[in-house]
């Protein structure tokens, strides 16, 4: 009887395995940033005047689609984005936005030159605003990641759609710069 009680008690104490899902996928994208996402690039999807879109070559957990865009500038500028949800329900979009924030805030990742954590300040979406975003910063700050930005956004698109996205991109200059 004693051995039965201990074996069943131990079984109850086991913690469930947590699937980091999107956090793992975003970490993979950030870690390939120094390579300009070349290892993640799949088939070309569309060619525009100043950019080319490519399919991401792995399935992003929970994403409706994920695209890598390379811009035809002198400097190799690129971006990655995953559309995580399209819905007409504001509450559903808000829940997804908050869930993504929770998964990405304090995410640790490494590149060839640095180890860092993502830090962001949560801003509650408001239906009247029609756009909300959280821009994550890197801690500790690192010169090699100065132009890299990670962002989650929630945006209203007419006629009745909320879109929640994760973006990883180059930012040439800060908003306050000329």
N, C-alpha and C. Protein backbone atom coordinates (compact mmCIF):
# COMPACT_ATOMS: atom_id res chain seq x y z
N UNK A 1 0.84 -1.19 0.00
CA UNK A 1 0.00 0.00 0.00
C UNK A 1 0.88 1.25 0.00
N UNK A 2 1.96 1.27 0.80
CA UNK A 2 2.85 2.43 0.87
C UNK A 2 3.50 2.71 -0.47
N UNK A 3 4.00 1.66 -1.13
CA UNK A 3 4.65 1.87 -2.43
C UNK A 3 3.64 2.37 -3.46
N UNK A 4 2.41 1.91 -3.39
CA UNK A 4 1.38 2.40 -4.29
C UNK A 4 1.11 3.89 -4.07
N UNK A 5 1.04 4.33 -2.82
CA UNK A 5 0.80 5.75 -2.51
C UNK A 5 1.94 6.63 -3.00
N UNK A 6 3.19 6.18 -2.81
CA UNK A 6 4.33 6.98 -3.27
C UNK A 6 4.41 7.05 -4.78
N UNK A 7 4.13 5.94 -5.46
CA UNK A 7 4.21 5.95 -6.92
C UNK A 7 3.11 6.81 -7.53
N UNK A 8 1.90 6.80 -6.95
CA UNK A 8 0.83 7.64 -7.48
C UNK A 8 1.07 9.10 -7.12
N UNK A 9 1.66 9.37 -5.96
CA UNK A 9 1.97 10.75 -5.57
C UNK A 9 3.03 11.34 -6.50
N UNK A 10 4.03 10.55 -6.85
CA UNK A 10 5.08 11.03 -7.75
C UNK A 10 4.50 11.32 -9.13
N UNK A 11 3.56 10.51 -9.57
CA UNK A 11 2.95 10.73 -10.88
C UNK A 11 2.17 12.04 -10.90
N UNK A 12 1.58 12.40 -9.79
CA UNK A 12 0.81 13.64 -9.73
C UNK A 12 1.71 14.87 -9.69
N UNK A 13 2.94 14.73 -9.24
CA UNK A 13 3.84 15.87 -9.13
C UNK A 13 4.53 16.23 -10.43
N UNK A 14 4.42 15.38 -11.44
CA UNK A 14 5.09 15.67 -12.71
C UNK A 14 4.47 16.89 -13.37
N UNK A 15 5.31 17.78 -13.82
CA UNK A 15 4.83 18.97 -14.49
C UNK A 15 4.65 18.69 -15.97
N UNK A 16 3.64 19.29 -16.59
CA UNK A 16 3.44 19.06 -18.02
C UNK A 16 4.56 19.71 -18.82
N UNK A 17 4.86 19.11 -19.96
CA UNK A 17 5.87 19.68 -20.85
C UNK A 17 5.23 20.87 -21.55
N UNK A 18 5.88 22.01 -21.48
CA UNK A 18 5.34 23.23 -22.08
C UNK A 18 5.94 23.39 -23.48
N UNK A 19 5.08 23.53 -24.48
CA UNK A 19 5.54 23.77 -25.84
C UNK A 19 5.66 25.27 -26.03
N UNK A 20 6.88 25.74 -26.20
CA UNK A 20 7.10 27.18 -26.34
C UNK A 20 6.58 27.72 -27.66
N UNK A 21 6.23 26.85 -28.58
CA UNK A 21 5.56 27.25 -29.81
C UNK A 21 6.18 28.41 -30.53
N UNK A 22 5.47 29.52 -30.55
CA UNK A 22 5.90 30.67 -31.32
C UNK A 22 7.20 31.27 -30.80
N UNK A 23 7.43 31.20 -29.50
CA UNK A 23 8.68 31.72 -28.95
C UNK A 23 9.88 31.01 -29.57
N UNK A 24 9.79 29.70 -29.71
CA UNK A 24 10.88 28.94 -30.33
C UNK A 24 11.08 29.37 -31.78
N UNK A 25 9.99 29.58 -32.50
CA UNK A 25 10.08 29.98 -33.91
C UNK A 25 10.66 31.39 -34.07
N UNK A 26 10.25 32.32 -33.22
CA UNK A 26 10.78 33.68 -33.29
C UNK A 26 12.26 33.68 -32.93
N UNK A 27 12.62 32.87 -31.96
CA UNK A 27 14.03 32.74 -31.57
C UNK A 27 14.86 32.26 -32.77
N UNK A 28 14.33 31.31 -33.52
CA UNK A 28 15.00 30.80 -34.72
C UNK A 28 15.19 31.92 -35.75
N UNK A 29 14.18 32.76 -35.92
CA UNK A 29 14.25 33.88 -36.87
C UNK A 29 15.30 34.89 -36.42
N UNK A 30 15.26 35.26 -35.14
CA UNK A 30 16.22 36.24 -34.62
C UNK A 30 17.65 35.72 -34.76
N UNK A 31 17.85 34.46 -34.49
CA UNK A 31 19.20 33.89 -34.56
C UNK A 31 19.73 33.83 -35.99
N UNK A 32 18.83 33.87 -37.00
CA UNK A 32 19.30 33.90 -38.39
C UNK A 32 19.37 35.32 -38.94
N UNK A 33 19.07 36.31 -38.11
CA UNK A 33 19.14 37.71 -38.55
C UNK A 33 20.52 38.09 -39.11
N UNK A 34 21.63 37.71 -38.46
CA UNK A 34 22.93 38.09 -39.04
C UNK A 34 23.14 37.56 -40.46
N UNK A 35 22.43 36.49 -40.82
CA UNK A 35 22.50 35.91 -42.17
C UNK A 35 21.43 36.50 -43.10
N UNK A 36 20.72 37.50 -42.62
CA UNK A 36 19.63 38.13 -43.38
C UNK A 36 18.55 37.12 -43.77
N UNK A 37 18.27 36.21 -42.84
CA UNK A 37 17.21 35.21 -42.97
C UNK A 37 17.40 34.26 -44.15
N UNK A 38 18.60 34.19 -44.69
CA UNK A 38 18.86 33.37 -45.88
C UNK A 38 18.56 31.88 -45.63
N UNK A 39 18.80 31.41 -44.40
CA UNK A 39 18.55 30.00 -44.09
C UNK A 39 17.06 29.68 -43.92
N UNK A 40 16.24 30.72 -43.86
CA UNK A 40 14.80 30.54 -43.65
C UNK A 40 13.99 30.80 -44.91
N UNK A 41 14.67 31.23 -45.98
CA UNK A 41 13.99 31.63 -47.20
C UNK A 41 13.59 30.44 -48.05
N UNK A 42 12.31 30.41 -48.40
CA UNK A 42 11.79 29.36 -49.27
C UNK A 42 11.57 29.91 -50.68
N UNK A 43 10.50 29.46 -51.30
CA UNK A 43 10.17 29.87 -52.66
C UNK A 43 9.77 31.34 -52.73
N UNK A 44 10.08 31.95 -53.90
CA UNK A 44 9.66 33.33 -54.13
C UNK A 44 8.14 33.34 -54.30
N UNK A 45 7.48 34.28 -53.64
CA UNK A 45 6.02 34.38 -53.69
C UNK A 45 5.60 35.53 -54.62
N UNK A 46 6.26 36.68 -54.47
CA UNK A 46 5.90 37.84 -55.27
C UNK A 46 7.12 38.74 -55.45
N UNK A 47 7.17 39.37 -56.63
CA UNK A 47 8.23 40.32 -56.90
C UNK A 47 7.60 41.69 -57.13
N UNK A 48 8.06 42.68 -56.38
CA UNK A 48 7.54 44.03 -56.48
C UNK A 48 8.65 44.94 -57.01
N UNK A 49 8.35 46.19 -57.24
CA UNK A 49 9.34 47.13 -57.77
C UNK A 49 10.55 47.25 -56.88
N UNK A 50 10.34 47.37 -55.56
CA UNK A 50 11.46 47.58 -54.66
C UNK A 50 11.68 46.46 -53.65
N UNK A 51 10.97 45.35 -53.80
CA UNK A 51 11.15 44.24 -52.86
C UNK A 51 10.72 42.92 -53.48
N UNK A 52 11.14 41.85 -52.83
CA UNK A 52 10.75 40.50 -53.24
C UNK A 52 10.32 39.74 -51.99
N UNK A 53 9.18 39.07 -52.08
CA UNK A 53 8.65 38.29 -50.96
C UNK A 53 8.94 36.80 -51.18
N UNK A 54 9.35 36.14 -50.08
CA UNK A 54 9.63 34.71 -50.10
C UNK A 54 8.82 34.04 -49.00
N UNK A 55 8.43 32.82 -49.27
CA UNK A 55 7.77 32.01 -48.25
C UNK A 55 8.81 31.62 -47.21
N UNK A 56 8.44 31.59 -45.96
CA UNK A 56 9.34 31.08 -44.92
C UNK A 56 9.41 29.56 -45.10
N UNK A 57 10.59 28.97 -44.98
CA UNK A 57 10.74 27.55 -45.30
C UNK A 57 10.41 26.60 -44.14
N UNK A 58 9.82 27.10 -43.07
CA UNK A 58 9.33 26.21 -42.02
C UNK A 58 7.96 26.72 -41.56
N UNK A 59 7.16 25.80 -41.05
CA UNK A 59 5.83 26.17 -40.58
C UNK A 59 5.94 26.84 -39.22
N UNK A 60 5.52 28.08 -39.15
CA UNK A 60 5.56 28.84 -37.92
C UNK A 60 4.34 28.42 -37.09
N UNK A 61 4.58 28.03 -35.85
CA UNK A 61 3.54 27.53 -34.98
C UNK A 61 2.38 28.51 -34.83
N UNK A 62 1.20 28.13 -35.32
CA UNK A 62 0.00 28.94 -35.17
C UNK A 62 -0.18 30.04 -36.20
N UNK A 63 0.74 30.19 -37.14
CA UNK A 63 0.65 31.28 -38.12
C UNK A 63 -0.23 30.90 -39.31
N UNK A 64 -0.98 31.88 -39.79
CA UNK A 64 -1.74 31.70 -41.02
C UNK A 64 -0.81 31.74 -42.23
N UNK A 65 0.22 32.59 -42.14
CA UNK A 65 1.25 32.68 -43.18
C UNK A 65 2.47 33.37 -42.60
N UNK A 66 3.62 33.12 -43.20
CA UNK A 66 4.85 33.83 -42.80
C UNK A 66 5.66 34.13 -44.05
N UNK A 67 6.12 35.36 -44.12
CA UNK A 67 6.78 35.88 -45.32
C UNK A 67 8.10 36.56 -44.94
N UNK A 68 9.10 36.38 -45.78
CA UNK A 68 10.37 37.09 -45.67
C UNK A 68 10.42 38.06 -46.85
N UNK A 69 10.71 39.32 -46.57
CA UNK A 69 10.79 40.32 -47.63
C UNK A 69 12.22 40.84 -47.70
N UNK A 70 12.78 40.84 -48.89
CA UNK A 70 14.10 41.43 -49.12
C UNK A 70 13.90 42.66 -49.98
N UNK A 71 14.46 43.77 -49.53
CA UNK A 71 14.30 45.03 -50.22
C UNK A 71 15.49 45.28 -51.12
N UNK A 72 15.23 45.87 -52.28
CA UNK A 72 16.29 46.11 -53.26
C UNK A 72 16.95 47.45 -53.01
N UNK A 73 17.61 47.55 -51.88
CA UNK A 73 18.36 48.75 -51.52
C UNK A 73 19.84 48.40 -51.60
N UNK A 74 20.68 49.43 -51.53
CA UNK A 74 22.13 49.17 -51.56
C UNK A 74 22.53 48.32 -50.38
N UNK A 75 21.97 48.63 -49.21
CA UNK A 75 22.23 47.82 -48.02
C UNK A 75 21.26 46.64 -48.05
N UNK A 76 21.68 45.52 -47.54
CA UNK A 76 20.82 44.35 -47.52
C UNK A 76 19.80 44.48 -46.39
N UNK A 77 18.63 44.99 -46.72
CA UNK A 77 17.57 45.21 -45.75
C UNK A 77 16.52 44.12 -45.95
N UNK A 78 16.06 43.55 -44.83
CA UNK A 78 15.10 42.46 -44.92
C UNK A 78 14.14 42.49 -43.74
N UNK A 79 13.04 41.74 -43.88
CA UNK A 79 12.09 41.63 -42.79
C UNK A 79 11.42 40.25 -42.83
N UNK A 80 10.89 39.86 -41.70
CA UNK A 80 10.14 38.61 -41.57
C UNK A 80 8.86 38.95 -40.84
N UNK A 81 7.76 38.41 -41.31
CA UNK A 81 6.51 38.63 -40.59
C UNK A 81 5.65 37.39 -40.63
N UNK A 82 4.92 37.19 -39.54
CA UNK A 82 3.99 36.07 -39.46
C UNK A 82 2.62 36.62 -39.10
N UNK A 83 1.64 36.31 -39.93
CA UNK A 83 0.26 36.67 -39.63
C UNK A 83 -0.28 35.59 -38.71
N UNK A 84 -0.54 35.96 -37.47
CA UNK A 84 -0.92 34.99 -36.45
C UNK A 84 -2.43 34.81 -36.31
N UNK A 85 -3.20 35.82 -36.68
CA UNK A 85 -4.65 35.71 -36.53
C UNK A 85 -5.34 36.76 -37.39
N UNK A 86 -6.42 36.34 -38.05
CA UNK A 86 -7.33 37.23 -38.73
C UNK A 86 -8.71 36.92 -38.20
N UNK A 87 -9.37 37.91 -37.62
CA UNK A 87 -10.68 37.68 -37.03
C UNK A 87 -11.52 38.95 -37.06
N UNK A 88 -12.83 38.79 -36.96
CA UNK A 88 -13.70 39.95 -36.85
C UNK A 88 -14.03 40.25 -35.38
N UNK A 89 -13.47 39.45 -34.47
CA UNK A 89 -13.76 39.55 -33.05
C UNK A 89 -12.63 40.27 -32.32
N UNK A 90 -12.91 41.47 -31.81
CA UNK A 90 -11.89 42.27 -31.12
C UNK A 90 -11.34 41.53 -29.90
N UNK A 91 -12.20 40.91 -29.11
CA UNK A 91 -11.76 40.20 -27.90
C UNK A 91 -10.81 39.05 -28.24
N UNK A 92 -11.11 38.32 -29.27
CA UNK A 92 -10.25 37.21 -29.71
C UNK A 92 -8.88 37.73 -30.13
N UNK A 93 -8.88 38.83 -30.88
CA UNK A 93 -7.62 39.44 -31.32
C UNK A 93 -6.82 39.93 -30.13
N UNK A 94 -7.50 40.53 -29.15
CA UNK A 94 -6.83 41.03 -27.95
C UNK A 94 -6.20 39.88 -27.17
N UNK A 95 -6.91 38.77 -27.05
CA UNK A 95 -6.37 37.60 -26.34
C UNK A 95 -5.12 37.08 -27.04
N UNK A 96 -5.15 37.01 -28.36
CA UNK A 96 -4.00 36.53 -29.13
C UNK A 96 -2.81 37.48 -28.96
N UNK A 97 -3.07 38.78 -29.03
CA UNK A 97 -2.04 39.80 -28.86
C UNK A 97 -1.37 39.65 -27.50
N UNK A 98 -2.17 39.52 -26.46
CA UNK A 98 -1.65 39.38 -25.10
C UNK A 98 -0.87 38.07 -24.93
N UNK A 99 -1.37 37.00 -25.53
CA UNK A 99 -0.68 35.71 -25.47
C UNK A 99 0.69 35.79 -26.14
N UNK A 100 0.76 36.44 -27.30
CA UNK A 100 2.04 36.59 -28.00
C UNK A 100 3.01 37.42 -27.18
N UNK A 101 2.50 38.48 -26.58
CA UNK A 101 3.35 39.31 -25.71
C UNK A 101 3.93 38.46 -24.57
N UNK A 102 3.08 37.68 -23.93
CA UNK A 102 3.53 36.84 -22.81
C UNK A 102 4.60 35.85 -23.24
N UNK A 103 4.47 35.31 -24.45
CA UNK A 103 5.44 34.33 -24.93
C UNK A 103 6.77 34.97 -25.34
N UNK A 104 6.72 36.21 -25.83
CA UNK A 104 7.94 36.84 -26.34
C UNK A 104 8.67 37.70 -25.31
N UNK A 105 7.94 38.27 -24.36
CA UNK A 105 8.60 39.10 -23.36
C UNK A 105 9.53 38.23 -22.51
N UNK A 106 10.76 38.65 -22.35
CA UNK A 106 11.82 37.92 -21.63
C UNK A 106 12.37 36.72 -22.39
N UNK A 107 12.03 36.58 -23.67
CA UNK A 107 12.59 35.50 -24.48
C UNK A 107 14.10 35.69 -24.60
N UNK A 108 14.86 34.65 -24.33
CA UNK A 108 16.30 34.76 -24.49
C UNK A 108 16.72 34.10 -25.80
N UNK A 109 17.70 34.70 -26.45
CA UNK A 109 18.20 34.20 -27.73
C UNK A 109 19.68 34.54 -27.85
N UNK A 110 20.33 33.91 -28.81
CA UNK A 110 21.76 34.13 -29.06
C UNK A 110 21.99 34.33 -30.54
N UNK A 111 22.96 35.17 -30.86
CA UNK A 111 23.48 35.26 -32.22
C UNK A 111 24.97 34.95 -32.09
N UNK A 112 25.68 35.01 -33.21
CA UNK A 112 27.12 34.75 -33.18
C UNK A 112 27.84 35.66 -32.19
N UNK A 113 27.35 36.89 -32.09
CA UNK A 113 28.08 37.90 -31.32
C UNK A 113 27.45 38.27 -29.99
N UNK A 114 26.24 37.78 -29.70
CA UNK A 114 25.58 38.27 -28.49
C UNK A 114 24.54 37.31 -27.93
N UNK A 115 24.31 37.42 -26.64
CA UNK A 115 23.19 36.78 -25.96
C UNK A 115 22.34 37.90 -25.39
N UNK A 116 21.04 37.76 -25.47
CA UNK A 116 20.18 38.85 -25.03
C UNK A 116 18.80 38.34 -24.67
N UNK A 117 18.00 39.23 -24.11
CA UNK A 117 16.59 38.99 -23.78
C UNK A 117 15.74 40.07 -24.44
N UNK A 118 14.55 39.68 -24.88
CA UNK A 118 13.60 40.66 -25.40
C UNK A 118 12.82 41.26 -24.23
N UNK A 119 12.69 42.56 -24.24
CA UNK A 119 11.91 43.26 -23.21
C UNK A 119 10.95 44.22 -23.90
N UNK A 120 9.70 44.16 -23.50
CA UNK A 120 8.71 45.06 -24.07
C UNK A 120 7.73 45.52 -23.02
N UNK A 121 7.14 46.67 -23.25
CA UNK A 121 6.13 47.21 -22.33
C UNK A 121 4.77 46.99 -22.97
N UNK A 122 3.93 46.23 -22.29
CA UNK A 122 2.62 45.88 -22.82
C UNK A 122 1.71 47.10 -22.86
N UNK A 123 1.02 47.24 -23.97
CA UNK A 123 0.01 48.27 -24.12
C UNK A 123 -1.30 47.58 -24.46
N UNK A 124 -2.32 47.80 -23.67
CA UNK A 124 -3.62 47.17 -23.90
C UNK A 124 -4.27 47.73 -25.15
N UNK A 125 -4.72 46.84 -26.05
CA UNK A 125 -5.43 47.30 -27.24
C UNK A 125 -6.76 47.96 -26.87
N UNK A 126 -7.12 48.96 -27.63
CA UNK A 126 -8.42 49.63 -27.49
C UNK A 126 -9.09 49.59 -28.85
N UNK A 127 -10.34 49.17 -28.84
CA UNK A 127 -11.07 49.02 -30.10
C UNK A 127 -11.13 50.32 -30.89
N UNK A 128 -11.25 51.44 -30.21
CA UNK A 128 -11.35 52.75 -30.87
C UNK A 128 -10.05 53.16 -31.55
N UNK A 129 -8.89 52.68 -31.03
CA UNK A 129 -7.59 53.08 -31.59
C UNK A 129 -7.29 52.42 -32.93
N UNK A 130 -7.78 51.22 -33.14
CA UNK A 130 -7.61 50.46 -34.38
C UNK A 130 -6.18 49.99 -34.66
N UNK A 131 -5.21 50.40 -33.83
CA UNK A 131 -3.83 49.91 -33.99
C UNK A 131 -3.12 49.93 -32.65
N UNK A 132 -2.46 48.82 -32.34
CA UNK A 132 -1.66 48.72 -31.12
C UNK A 132 -0.42 47.91 -31.46
N UNK A 133 0.71 48.29 -30.89
CA UNK A 133 1.90 47.48 -31.10
C UNK A 133 2.79 47.52 -29.86
N UNK A 134 3.61 46.49 -29.74
CA UNK A 134 4.64 46.45 -28.71
C UNK A 134 5.95 46.25 -29.44
N UNK A 135 6.87 47.17 -29.24
CA UNK A 135 8.21 47.09 -29.83
C UNK A 135 9.15 46.60 -28.74
N UNK A 136 9.76 45.47 -28.98
CA UNK A 136 10.67 44.88 -27.99
C UNK A 136 12.07 45.44 -28.17
N UNK A 137 12.76 45.61 -27.06
CA UNK A 137 14.16 46.01 -27.10
C UNK A 137 15.01 44.84 -26.65
N UNK A 138 16.30 44.94 -26.89
CA UNK A 138 17.23 43.87 -26.52
C UNK A 138 18.00 44.27 -25.28
N UNK A 139 18.06 43.37 -24.31
CA UNK A 139 18.84 43.62 -23.10
C UNK A 139 19.81 42.47 -22.90
N UNK A 140 21.07 42.70 -22.72
CA UNK A 140 21.70 44.01 -22.78
C UNK A 140 21.76 44.50 -24.23
N UNK A 141 21.85 45.80 -24.40
CA UNK A 141 21.93 46.35 -25.75
C UNK A 141 23.23 45.91 -26.39
N UNK A 142 23.20 45.76 -27.70
CA UNK A 142 24.36 45.27 -28.43
C UNK A 142 24.43 46.00 -29.76
N UNK A 143 25.60 46.46 -30.12
CA UNK A 143 25.79 47.21 -31.36
C UNK A 143 25.40 46.40 -32.60
N UNK A 144 25.67 45.09 -32.60
CA UNK A 144 25.36 44.27 -33.78
C UNK A 144 23.86 44.08 -33.97
N UNK A 145 23.06 44.33 -32.93
CA UNK A 145 21.61 44.18 -33.02
C UNK A 145 20.87 45.52 -33.00
N UNK A 146 21.62 46.60 -33.15
CA UNK A 146 21.06 47.94 -33.01
C UNK A 146 19.88 48.19 -33.97
N UNK A 147 19.96 47.68 -35.18
CA UNK A 147 18.92 47.94 -36.17
C UNK A 147 17.83 46.87 -36.21
N UNK A 148 18.02 45.80 -35.48
CA UNK A 148 17.04 44.72 -35.47
C UNK A 148 15.89 45.08 -34.53
N UNK A 149 14.67 44.92 -35.02
CA UNK A 149 13.48 45.21 -34.22
C UNK A 149 12.56 43.99 -34.24
N UNK A 150 11.95 43.73 -33.09
CA UNK A 150 10.94 42.68 -32.96
C UNK A 150 9.69 43.38 -32.46
N UNK A 151 8.57 43.11 -33.11
CA UNK A 151 7.33 43.82 -32.79
C UNK A 151 6.14 42.88 -32.93
N UNK A 152 5.14 43.09 -32.08
CA UNK A 152 3.84 42.45 -32.30
C UNK A 152 2.86 43.59 -32.55
N UNK A 153 1.94 43.37 -33.47
CA UNK A 153 0.97 44.42 -33.78
C UNK A 153 -0.42 43.83 -33.91
N UNK A 154 -1.38 44.68 -33.62
CA UNK A 154 -2.80 44.34 -33.79
C UNK A 154 -3.42 45.52 -34.51
N UNK A 155 -4.00 45.25 -35.68
CA UNK A 155 -4.49 46.33 -36.52
C UNK A 155 -5.85 45.99 -37.09
N UNK A 156 -6.71 47.01 -37.14
CA UNK A 156 -8.03 46.86 -37.74
C UNK A 156 -7.93 47.19 -39.22
N UNK A 157 -8.44 46.29 -40.06
CA UNK A 157 -8.45 46.49 -41.50
C UNK A 157 -9.91 46.45 -41.94
N UNK A 158 -10.35 47.48 -42.67
CA UNK A 158 -11.73 47.48 -43.17
C UNK A 158 -11.94 46.31 -44.11
N UNK A 159 -13.09 45.70 -44.20
CA UNK A 159 -14.35 46.13 -43.62
C UNK A 159 -14.54 45.68 -42.16
N UNK A 160 -14.08 44.51 -41.74
CA UNK A 160 -14.29 44.10 -40.35
C UNK A 160 -13.27 43.05 -39.92
N UNK A 161 -11.99 43.34 -40.06
CA UNK A 161 -10.98 42.35 -39.71
C UNK A 161 -9.93 42.93 -38.78
N UNK A 162 -9.59 42.16 -37.77
CA UNK A 162 -8.45 42.45 -36.91
C UNK A 162 -7.34 41.51 -37.32
N UNK A 163 -6.14 42.02 -37.51
CA UNK A 163 -4.98 41.19 -37.85
C UNK A 163 -3.94 41.34 -36.76
N UNK A 164 -3.44 40.20 -36.30
CA UNK A 164 -2.39 40.18 -35.29
C UNK A 164 -1.15 39.59 -35.95
N UNK A 165 -0.04 40.33 -35.88
CA UNK A 165 1.20 39.92 -36.55
C UNK A 165 2.39 39.99 -35.61
N UNK A 166 3.40 39.20 -35.95
CA UNK A 166 4.73 39.32 -35.35
C UNK A 166 5.65 39.76 -36.47
N UNK A 167 6.49 40.75 -36.19
CA UNK A 167 7.41 41.26 -37.20
C UNK A 167 8.83 41.28 -36.64
N UNK A 168 9.78 40.89 -37.48
CA UNK A 168 11.20 40.99 -37.16
C UNK A 168 11.81 41.69 -38.37
N UNK A 169 12.44 42.85 -38.14
CA UNK A 169 12.86 43.64 -39.29
C UNK A 169 14.05 44.54 -38.97
N UNK A 170 14.67 45.03 -40.05
CA UNK A 170 15.72 46.04 -39.98
C UNK A 170 15.05 47.40 -39.89
N UNK A 171 15.58 48.25 -39.06
CA UNK A 171 15.09 49.61 -38.98
C UNK A 171 16.29 50.52 -39.18
N UNK A 172 16.30 51.21 -40.29
CA UNK A 172 17.46 52.02 -40.66
C UNK A 172 17.74 53.15 -39.68
N UNK A 173 16.70 53.81 -39.21
CA UNK A 173 16.90 54.91 -38.26
C UNK A 173 15.70 54.99 -37.33
N UNK A 174 15.94 55.59 -36.21
CA UNK A 174 14.88 55.77 -35.22
C UNK A 174 13.89 56.82 -35.69
N UNK A 175 12.68 56.79 -35.15
CA UNK A 175 11.65 57.75 -35.53
C UNK A 175 12.06 59.19 -35.26
N UNK A 176 12.89 59.42 -34.27
CA UNK A 176 13.29 60.79 -33.93
C UNK A 176 14.44 61.31 -34.81
N UNK A 177 15.06 60.41 -35.59
CA UNK A 177 16.16 60.83 -36.46
C UNK A 177 15.61 61.44 -37.75
N UNK A 178 16.40 62.32 -38.35
CA UNK A 178 15.99 62.89 -39.65
C UNK A 178 16.56 62.06 -40.76
